[in-house]
């Protein structure tokens, strides 16, 4: 069994250990086992990661992060920057997985699309840390929304992320943080990653939804891909 398979198995074991909120009806409708984590999609060898809050119904049905309405907006923007043309359909949007990593703060879907509690996020944090430090080779992370960005607060000096996020230029600036991770066997490692926050591209985010494509293109000019 590979180290990645071991990580995914360990996440499931943690999920089995103690109940936590799950959108069971969505998993049942999709014919999926609710305790099987959807940890990531895309290429672990990529330089860029898109980091969201948690899974939605489309993500459960298709078994990968960021493939619902908001995710398609992200994929479309990346495809246009990468290929220099508008994607022609779902197949084009899926090709972006060759060049990016897609993941979330928690590899499960919460009921009613409400954010997971701090307790649940902390419970699954060590596994997301392992994914980012041991398995993903890149160092640039575009966070989508406040919850995704502030997930990284423990890796910076106290208060630094809050201070950064209060700045009016938070969606143009970047911030380096040091992520530390440890496996169940006690192997430890760390690496510096660069956070480049953007607002969440949900149609419900009326303040930024219309601006998001332009904001994403501006971010992607900072990255060599």
C-alpha atoms as a PDB file:
ATOM      1  CA  UNK A   1       0.000   0.000   0.000  1.00  0.00           C
ATOM      2  CA  UNK A   2       1.372   3.424  -0.977  1.00  0.00           C
ATOM      3  CA  UNK A   3       1.806   6.238   1.540  1.00  0.00           C
ATOM      4  CA  UNK A   4      -1.044   8.103  -0.107  1.00  0.00           C
ATOM      5  CA  UNK A   5      -3.369   5.107   0.157  1.00  0.00           C
ATOM      6  CA  UNK A   6      -2.353   4.773   3.792  1.00  0.00           C
ATOM      7  CA  UNK A   7      -3.246   8.427   4.377  1.00  0.00           C
ATOM      8  CA  UNK A   8      -6.694   7.996   2.831  1.00  0.00           C
ATOM      9  CA  UNK A   9      -7.297   4.819   4.842  1.00  0.00           C
ATOM     10  CA  UNK A  10      -6.253   6.639   8.029  1.00  0.00           C
ATOM     11  CA  UNK A  11      -8.712   9.460   7.307  1.00  0.00           C
ATOM     12  CA  UNK A  12     -11.508   6.926   6.995  1.00  0.00           C
ATOM     13  CA  UNK A  13     -10.484   5.302  10.271  1.00  0.00           C
ATOM     14  CA  UNK A  14     -10.664   8.697  11.978  1.00  0.00           C
ATOM     15  CA  UNK A  15     -14.103   9.294  10.474  1.00  0.00           C
ATOM     16  CA  UNK A  16     -15.262   5.929  11.812  1.00  0.00           C
ATOM     17  CA  UNK A  17     -13.879   6.636  15.284  1.00  0.00           C
ATOM     18  CA  UNK A  18     -16.486   9.208  16.297  1.00  0.00           C
ATOM     19  CA  UNK A  19     -19.579  10.574  14.508  1.00  0.00           C
ATOM     20  CA  UNK A  20     -19.536  14.071  13.037  1.00  0.00           C
ATOM     21  CA  UNK A  21     -22.001  15.933  10.794  1.00  0.00           C
ATOM     22  CA  UNK A  22     -22.301  14.434   7.303  1.00  0.00           C
ATOM     23  CA  UNK A  23     -24.793  15.171   4.541  1.00  0.00           C
ATOM     24  CA  UNK A  24     -25.795  11.502   4.418  1.00  0.00           C
ATOM     25  CA  UNK A  25     -28.727  11.937   1.998  1.00  0.00           C
ATOM     26  CA  UNK A  26     -26.421  13.426  -0.660  1.00  0.00           C
ATOM     27  CA  UNK A  27     -23.997  10.515  -0.328  1.00  0.00           C
ATOM     28  CA  UNK A  28     -26.894   8.045  -0.497  1.00  0.00           C
ATOM     29  CA  UNK A  29     -28.356   9.702  -3.608  1.00  0.00           C
ATOM     30  CA  UNK A  30     -24.929   9.534  -5.246  1.00  0.00           C
ATOM     31  CA  UNK A  31     -24.476   5.886  -4.267  1.00  0.00           C
ATOM     32  CA  UNK A  32     -21.333   6.791  -2.326  1.00  0.00           C
ATOM     33  CA  UNK A  33     -20.013   5.683   1.056  1.00  0.00           C
ATOM     34  CA  UNK A  34     -20.163   8.805   3.219  1.00  0.00           C
ATOM     35  CA  UNK A  35     -17.067   7.799   5.192  1.00  0.00           C
ATOM     36  CA  UNK A  36     -14.839   7.540   2.130  1.00  0.00           C
ATOM     37  CA  UNK A  37     -12.896  10.823   2.069  1.00  0.00           C
ATOM     38  CA  UNK A  38     -12.662  12.926  -1.078  1.00  0.00           C
ATOM     39  CA  UNK A  39      -9.260  14.317  -0.204  1.00  0.00           C
ATOM     40  CA  UNK A  40      -8.077  15.887  -3.432  1.00  0.00           C
ATOM     41  CA  UNK A  41      -8.298  16.067  -7.173  1.00  0.00           C
ATOM     42  CA  UNK A  42      -5.721  16.956  -9.771  1.00  0.00           C
ATOM     43  CA  UNK A  43      -1.968  16.558  -9.939  1.00  0.00           C
ATOM     44  CA  UNK A  44       0.212  16.202  -6.839  1.00  0.00           C
ATOM     45  CA  UNK A  45       3.187  17.260  -8.956  1.00  0.00           C
ATOM     46  CA  UNK A  46       1.616  20.626  -9.819  1.00  0.00           C
ATOM     47  CA  UNK A  47       2.944  23.952  -8.612  1.00  0.00           C
ATOM     48  CA  UNK A  48      -0.460  25.462  -7.764  1.00  0.00           C
ATOM     49  CA  UNK A  49      -3.183  24.393  -5.339  1.00  0.00           C
ATOM     50  CA  UNK A  50      -6.725  25.744  -5.121  1.00  0.00           C
ATOM     51  CA  UNK A  51      -7.886  25.388  -1.524  1.00  0.00           C
ATOM     52  CA  UNK A  52     -11.601  25.576  -0.724  1.00  0.00           C
ATOM     53  CA  UNK A  53     -13.792  25.228   2.359  1.00  0.00           C
ATOM     54  CA  UNK A  54     -15.484  21.851   1.927  1.00  0.00           C
ATOM     55  CA  UNK A  55     -17.359  19.664  -0.541  1.00  0.00           C
ATOM     56  CA  UNK A  56     -20.723  20.289  -2.181  1.00  0.00           C
ATOM     57  CA  UNK A  57     -23.258  17.931  -3.719  1.00  0.00           C
ATOM     58  CA  UNK A  58     -21.602  17.969  -7.173  1.00  0.00           C
ATOM     59  CA  UNK A  59     -18.261  17.152  -5.570  1.00  0.00           C
ATOM     60  CA  UNK A  60     -19.742  14.122  -3.816  1.00  0.00           C
ATOM     61  CA  UNK A  61     -21.430  12.897  -7.000  1.00  0.00           C
ATOM     62  CA  UNK A  62     -18.277  13.231  -9.097  1.00  0.00           C
ATOM     63  CA  UNK A  63     -15.752  12.305  -6.432  1.00  0.00           C
ATOM     64  CA  UNK A  64     -13.484  15.345  -6.709  1.00  0.00           C
ATOM     65  CA  UNK A  65     -13.269  18.837  -5.189  1.00  0.00           C
ATOM     66  CA  UNK A  66     -14.263  22.067  -6.926  1.00  0.00           C
ATOM     67  CA  UNK A  67     -16.446  20.747  -9.699  1.00  0.00           C
ATOM     68  CA  UNK A  68     -19.735  22.442  -8.791  1.00  0.00           C
ATOM     69  CA  UNK A  69     -20.776  25.933  -9.891  1.00  0.00           C
ATOM     70  CA  UNK A  70     -17.970  27.693  -8.006  1.00  0.00           C
ATOM     71  CA  UNK A  71     -15.422  25.067  -8.987  1.00  0.00           C
ATOM     72  CA  UNK A  72     -16.315  25.312 -12.655  1.00  0.00           C
ATOM     73  CA  UNK A  73     -15.680  29.060 -12.495  1.00  0.00           C
ATOM     74  CA  UNK A  74     -12.215  28.341 -11.058  1.00  0.00           C
ATOM     75  CA  UNK A  75     -11.480  25.666 -13.654  1.00  0.00           C
ATOM     76  CA  UNK A  76     -12.708  27.882 -16.502  1.00  0.00           C
ATOM     77  CA  UNK A  77     -10.473  30.757 -15.394  1.00  0.00           C
ATOM     78  CA  UNK A  78      -7.433  28.541 -15.057  1.00  0.00           C
ATOM     79  CA  UNK A  79      -8.074  26.904 -18.435  1.00  0.00           C
ATOM     80  CA  UNK A  80      -8.296  30.298 -20.145  1.00  0.00           C
ATOM     81  CA  UNK A  81      -5.029  31.451 -18.572  1.00  0.00           C
ATOM     82  CA  UNK A  82      -3.303  28.154 -19.392  1.00  0.00           C
ATOM     83  CA  UNK A  83      -4.620  27.482 -22.897  1.00  0.00           C
ATOM     84  CA  UNK A  84      -5.440  31.011 -24.050  1.00  0.00           C
ATOM     85  CA  UNK A  85      -8.987  30.137 -25.104  1.00  0.00           C
ATOM     86  CA  UNK A  86     -12.438  29.524 -23.665  1.00  0.00           C
ATOM     87  CA  UNK A  87     -13.095  25.880 -22.672  1.00  0.00           C
ATOM     88  CA  UNK A  88     -15.522  24.088 -24.994  1.00  0.00           C
ATOM     89  CA  UNK A  89     -17.067  21.778 -22.438  1.00  0.00           C
ATOM     90  CA  UNK A  90     -16.638  19.525 -19.433  1.00  0.00           C
ATOM     91  CA  UNK A  91     -13.737  17.627 -21.003  1.00  0.00           C
ATOM     92  CA  UNK A  92     -11.752  20.848 -21.351  1.00  0.00           C
ATOM     93  CA  UNK A  93     -12.531  21.801 -17.753  1.00  0.00           C
ATOM     94  CA  UNK A  94     -11.324  18.400 -16.575  1.00  0.00           C
ATOM     95  CA  UNK A  95      -7.944  18.848 -18.279  1.00  0.00           C
ATOM     96  CA  UNK A  96      -6.968  21.510 -15.724  1.00  0.00           C
ATOM     97  CA  UNK A  97      -6.447  18.647 -13.271  1.00  0.00           C
ATOM     98  CA  UNK A  98      -3.205  17.966 -15.148  1.00  0.00           C
ATOM     99  CA  UNK A  99      -1.785  21.246 -13.861  1.00  0.00           C
ATOM    100  CA  UNK A 100      -3.350  22.010 -10.466  1.00  0.00           C
ATOM    101  CA  UNK A 101      -4.219  20.434  -7.125  1.00  0.00           C
ATOM    102  CA  UNK A 102      -7.733  20.833  -5.701  1.00  0.00           C
ATOM    103  CA  UNK A 103      -8.478  20.265  -2.016  1.00  0.00           C
ATOM    104  CA  UNK A 104     -10.426  21.555   0.996  1.00  0.00           C
ATOM    105  CA  UNK A 105     -10.204  22.111   4.747  1.00  0.00           C
ATOM    106  CA  UNK A 106     -12.210  18.899   5.376  1.00  0.00           C
ATOM    107  CA  UNK A 107     -12.566  15.963   2.932  1.00  0.00           C
ATOM    108  CA  UNK A 108     -16.297  15.486   3.654  1.00  0.00           C
ATOM    109  CA  UNK A 109     -19.569  17.284   2.891  1.00  0.00           C
ATOM    110  CA  UNK A 110     -21.328  19.073   5.770  1.00  0.00           C
ATOM    111  CA  UNK A 111     -25.128  19.092   6.008  1.00  0.00           C
ATOM    112  CA  UNK A 112     -26.912  22.010   4.296  1.00  0.00           C
ATOM    113  CA  UNK A 113     -23.589  23.366   3.022  1.00  0.00           C
ATOM    114  CA  UNK A 114     -22.894  24.942   6.408  1.00  0.00           C
ATOM    115  CA  UNK A 115     -19.240  25.309   7.363  1.00  0.00           C
ATOM    116  CA  UNK A 116     -17.755  22.638   9.588  1.00  0.00           C
ATOM    117  CA  UNK A 117     -17.062  23.591  13.188  1.00  0.00           C
ATOM    118  CA  UNK A 118     -13.550  24.320  14.401  1.00  0.00           C
ATOM    119  CA  UNK A 119     -13.619  20.974  16.208  1.00  0.00           C
ATOM    120  CA  UNK A 120     -14.221  19.033  12.997  1.00  0.00           C
ATOM    121  CA  UNK A 121     -11.640  21.054  11.064  1.00  0.00           C
ATOM    122  CA  UNK A 122      -9.014  20.422  13.730  1.00  0.00           C
ATOM    123  CA  UNK A 123      -9.856  16.736  13.779  1.00  0.00           C
ATOM    124  CA  UNK A 124      -9.014  16.377  10.088  1.00  0.00           C
ATOM    125  CA  UNK A 125      -6.270  19.029   9.948  1.00  0.00           C
ATOM    126  CA  UNK A 126      -3.352  16.578  10.383  1.00  0.00           C
ATOM    127  CA  UNK A 127      -4.388  14.707   7.242  1.00  0.00           C
ATOM    128  CA  UNK A 128      -4.662  17.828   5.106  1.00  0.00           C
ATOM    129  CA  UNK A 129      -1.260  18.889   6.456  1.00  0.00           C
ATOM    130  CA  UNK A 130       0.206  15.566   5.349  1.00  0.00           C
ATOM    131  CA  UNK A 131      -1.291  15.965   1.876  1.00  0.00           C
ATOM    132  CA  UNK A 132       0.197  19.439   1.447  1.00  0.00           C
ATOM    133  CA  UNK A 133       3.609  18.708   2.974  1.00  0.00           C
ATOM    134  CA  UNK A 134       4.419  15.081   2.108  1.00  0.00           C
ATOM    135  CA  UNK A 135       2.472  14.432  -1.089  1.00  0.00           C
ATOM    136  CA  UNK A 136       1.994  17.702  -2.976  1.00  0.00           C
ATOM    137  CA  UNK A 137       5.153  19.091  -4.607  1.00  0.00           C
ATOM    138  CA  UNK A 138       4.022  22.696  -5.086  1.00  0.00           C
ATOM    139  CA  UNK A 139       4.249  25.773  -2.884  1.00  0.00           C
ATOM    140  CA  UNK A 140       1.613  28.229  -4.176  1.00  0.00           C
ATOM    141  CA  UNK A 141      -1.949  28.124  -2.807  1.00  0.00           C
ATOM    142  CA  UNK A 142      -4.923  30.182  -3.941  1.00  0.00           C
ATOM    143  CA  UNK A 143      -7.413  30.081  -1.084  1.00  0.00           C
ATOM    144  CA  UNK A 144     -11.097  30.525  -1.917  1.00  0.00           C
ATOM    145  CA  UNK A 145     -13.022  32.437   0.736  1.00  0.00           C
ATOM    146  CA  UNK A 146     -12.411  33.520   4.305  1.00  0.00           C
ATOM    147  CA  UNK A 147     -12.724  30.076   5.928  1.00  0.00           C
ATOM    148  CA  UNK A 148     -10.193  28.524   3.571  1.00  0.00           C
ATOM    149  CA  UNK A 149      -7.680  31.326   4.108  1.00  0.00           C
ATOM    150  CA  UNK A 150      -8.000  31.373   7.889  1.00  0.00           C
ATOM    151  CA  UNK A 151      -7.474  27.598   8.050  1.00  0.00           C
ATOM    152  CA  UNK A 152      -3.777  28.497   7.694  1.00  0.00           C
ATOM    153  CA  UNK A 153      -3.684  30.725  10.804  1.00  0.00           C
ATOM    154  CA  UNK A 154      -1.771  28.162  12.951  1.00  0.00           C
ATOM    155  CA  UNK A 155       1.181  28.313  10.541  1.00  0.00           C
ATOM    156  CA  UNK A 156       1.840  32.035  10.988  1.00  0.00           C
ATOM    157  CA  UNK A 157       2.609  34.225  14.015  1.00  0.00           C
ATOM    158  CA  UNK A 158      -0.476  34.845  16.144  1.00  0.00           C
ATOM    159  CA  UNK A 159      -2.747  37.449  14.607  1.00  0.00           C
ATOM    160  CA  UNK A 160      -0.796  37.751  11.351  1.00  0.00           C
ATOM    161  CA  UNK A 161      -3.477  36.266   9.103  1.00  0.00           C
ATOM    162  CA  UNK A 162      -6.225  38.366  10.679  1.00  0.00           C
ATOM    163  CA  UNK A 163      -4.164  41.511  10.229  1.00  0.00           C
ATOM    164  CA  UNK A 164      -3.373  40.570   6.624  1.00  0.00           C
ATOM    165  CA  UNK A 165      -7.019  39.817   5.861  1.00  0.00           C
ATOM    166  CA  UNK A 166      -8.183  43.162   7.219  1.00  0.00           C
ATOM    167  CA  UNK A 167      -6.082  44.936   4.606  1.00  0.00           C
ATOM    168  CA  UNK A 168      -7.891  46.398   1.631  1.00  0.00           C
ATOM    169  CA  UNK A 169      -5.335  44.835  -0.715  1.00  0.00           C
ATOM    170  CA  UNK A 170      -5.667  41.272   0.619  1.00  0.00           C
ATOM    171  CA  UNK A 171      -6.792  39.965  -2.758  1.00  0.00           C
ATOM    172  CA  UNK A 172      -3.730  41.399  -4.504  1.00  0.00           C
ATOM    173  CA  UNK A 173      -1.043  40.555  -1.927  1.00  0.00           C
ATOM    174  CA  UNK A 174       0.405  37.228  -0.795  1.00  0.00           C
ATOM    175  CA  UNK A 175       1.651  35.792   2.487  1.00  0.00           C
ATOM    176  CA  UNK A 176       4.179  33.045   3.215  1.00  0.00           C
ATOM    177  CA  UNK A 177       3.482  30.550   6.012  1.00  0.00           C
ATOM    178  CA  UNK A 178       5.325  27.495   7.324  1.00  0.00           C
ATOM    179  CA  UNK A 179       3.259  24.297   7.383  1.00  0.00           C
ATOM    180  CA  UNK A 180       4.427  21.480   9.635  1.00  0.00           C
ATOM    181  CA  UNK A 181       3.133  17.941   9.330  1.00  0.00           C
ATOM    182  CA  UNK A 182       3.662  14.598  11.019  1.00  0.00           C
ATOM    183  CA  UNK A 183       2.613  11.121   9.941  1.00  0.00           C
ATOM    184  CA  UNK A 184       1.015   8.538  12.227  1.00  0.00           C
ATOM    185  CA  UNK A 185       4.415   6.848  12.350  1.00  0.00           C
ATOM    186  CA  UNK A 186       5.978  10.038  13.731  1.00  0.00           C
ATOM    187  CA  UNK A 187       7.784  11.199  10.579  1.00  0.00           C
ATOM    188  CA  UNK A 188       7.865  14.987  10.530  1.00  0.00           C
ATOM    189  CA  UNK A 189       8.485  17.564   7.834  1.00  0.00           C
ATOM    190  CA  UNK A 190       7.667  21.164   6.972  1.00  0.00           C
ATOM    191  CA  UNK A 191       7.637  23.580   4.047  1.00  0.00           C
ATOM    192  CA  UNK A 192       6.927  27.198   3.267  1.00  0.00           C
ATOM    193  CA  UNK A 193       3.899  27.863   1.078  1.00  0.00           C
ATOM    194  CA  UNK A 194       2.667  31.122  -0.403  1.00  0.00           C
ATOM    195  CA  UNK A 195      -0.995  32.007   0.223  1.00  0.00           C
ATOM    196  CA  UNK A 196      -2.791  34.086  -2.386  1.00  0.00           C
ATOM    197  CA  UNK A 197      -6.343  34.644  -1.138  1.00  0.00           C
ATOM    198  CA  UNK A 198      -9.380  35.235  -3.314  1.00  0.00           C
ATOM    199  CA  UNK A 199     -13.049  35.560  -2.345  1.00  0.00           C
ATOM    200  CA  UNK A 200     -15.214  32.474  -2.671  1.00  0.00           C
ATOM    201  CA  UNK A 201     -16.635  32.309  -6.215  1.00  0.00           C
ATOM    202  CA  UNK A 202     -20.172  31.420  -5.135  1.00  0.00           C
ATOM    203  CA  UNK A 203     -23.160  33.048  -6.891  1.00  0.00           C
ATOM    204  CA  UNK A 204     -24.328  33.877  -3.352  1.00  0.00           C
ATOM    205  CA  UNK A 205     -21.252  36.069  -2.860  1.00  0.00           C
ATOM    206  CA  UNK A 206     -22.860  39.068  -4.511  1.00  0.00           C
ATOM    207  CA  UNK A 207     -20.056  41.447  -3.601  1.00  0.00           C
ATOM    208  CA  UNK A 208     -17.353  39.595  -5.499  1.00  0.00           C
ATOM    209  CA  UNK A 209     -18.995  37.046  -7.793  1.00  0.00           C
ATOM    210  CA  UNK A 210     -19.003  39.296 -10.847  1.00  0.00           C
ATOM    211  CA  UNK A 211     -15.424  40.402 -10.206  1.00  0.00           C
ATOM    212  CA  UNK A 212     -14.048  36.927  -9.548  1.00  0.00           C
ATOM    213  CA  UNK A 213     -12.947  36.004 -13.101  1.00  0.00           C
ATOM    214  CA  UNK A 214     -10.857  39.181 -13.380  1.00  0.00           C
ATOM    215  CA  UNK A 215      -9.441  38.722  -9.867  1.00  0.00           C
ATOM    216  CA  UNK A 216      -8.470  35.140 -10.688  1.00  0.00           C
ATOM    217  CA  UNK A 217      -6.719  36.136 -13.904  1.00  0.00           C
ATOM    218  CA  UNK A 218      -4.775  38.761 -11.973  1.00  0.00           C
ATOM    219  CA  UNK A 219      -3.661  36.099  -9.482  1.00  0.00           C
ATOM    220  CA  UNK A 220      -2.644  33.687 -12.215  1.00  0.00           C
ATOM    221  CA  UNK A 221      -0.283  36.257 -13.748  1.00  0.00           C
ATOM    222  CA  UNK A 222       1.815  35.815 -10.564  1.00  0.00           C
ATOM    223  CA  UNK A 223       2.320  32.109 -11.265  1.00  0.00           C
ATOM    224  CA  UNK A 224       4.510  30.335 -13.799  1.00  0.00           C
ATOM    225  CA  UNK A 225       2.547  27.321 -15.029  1.00  0.00           C
END
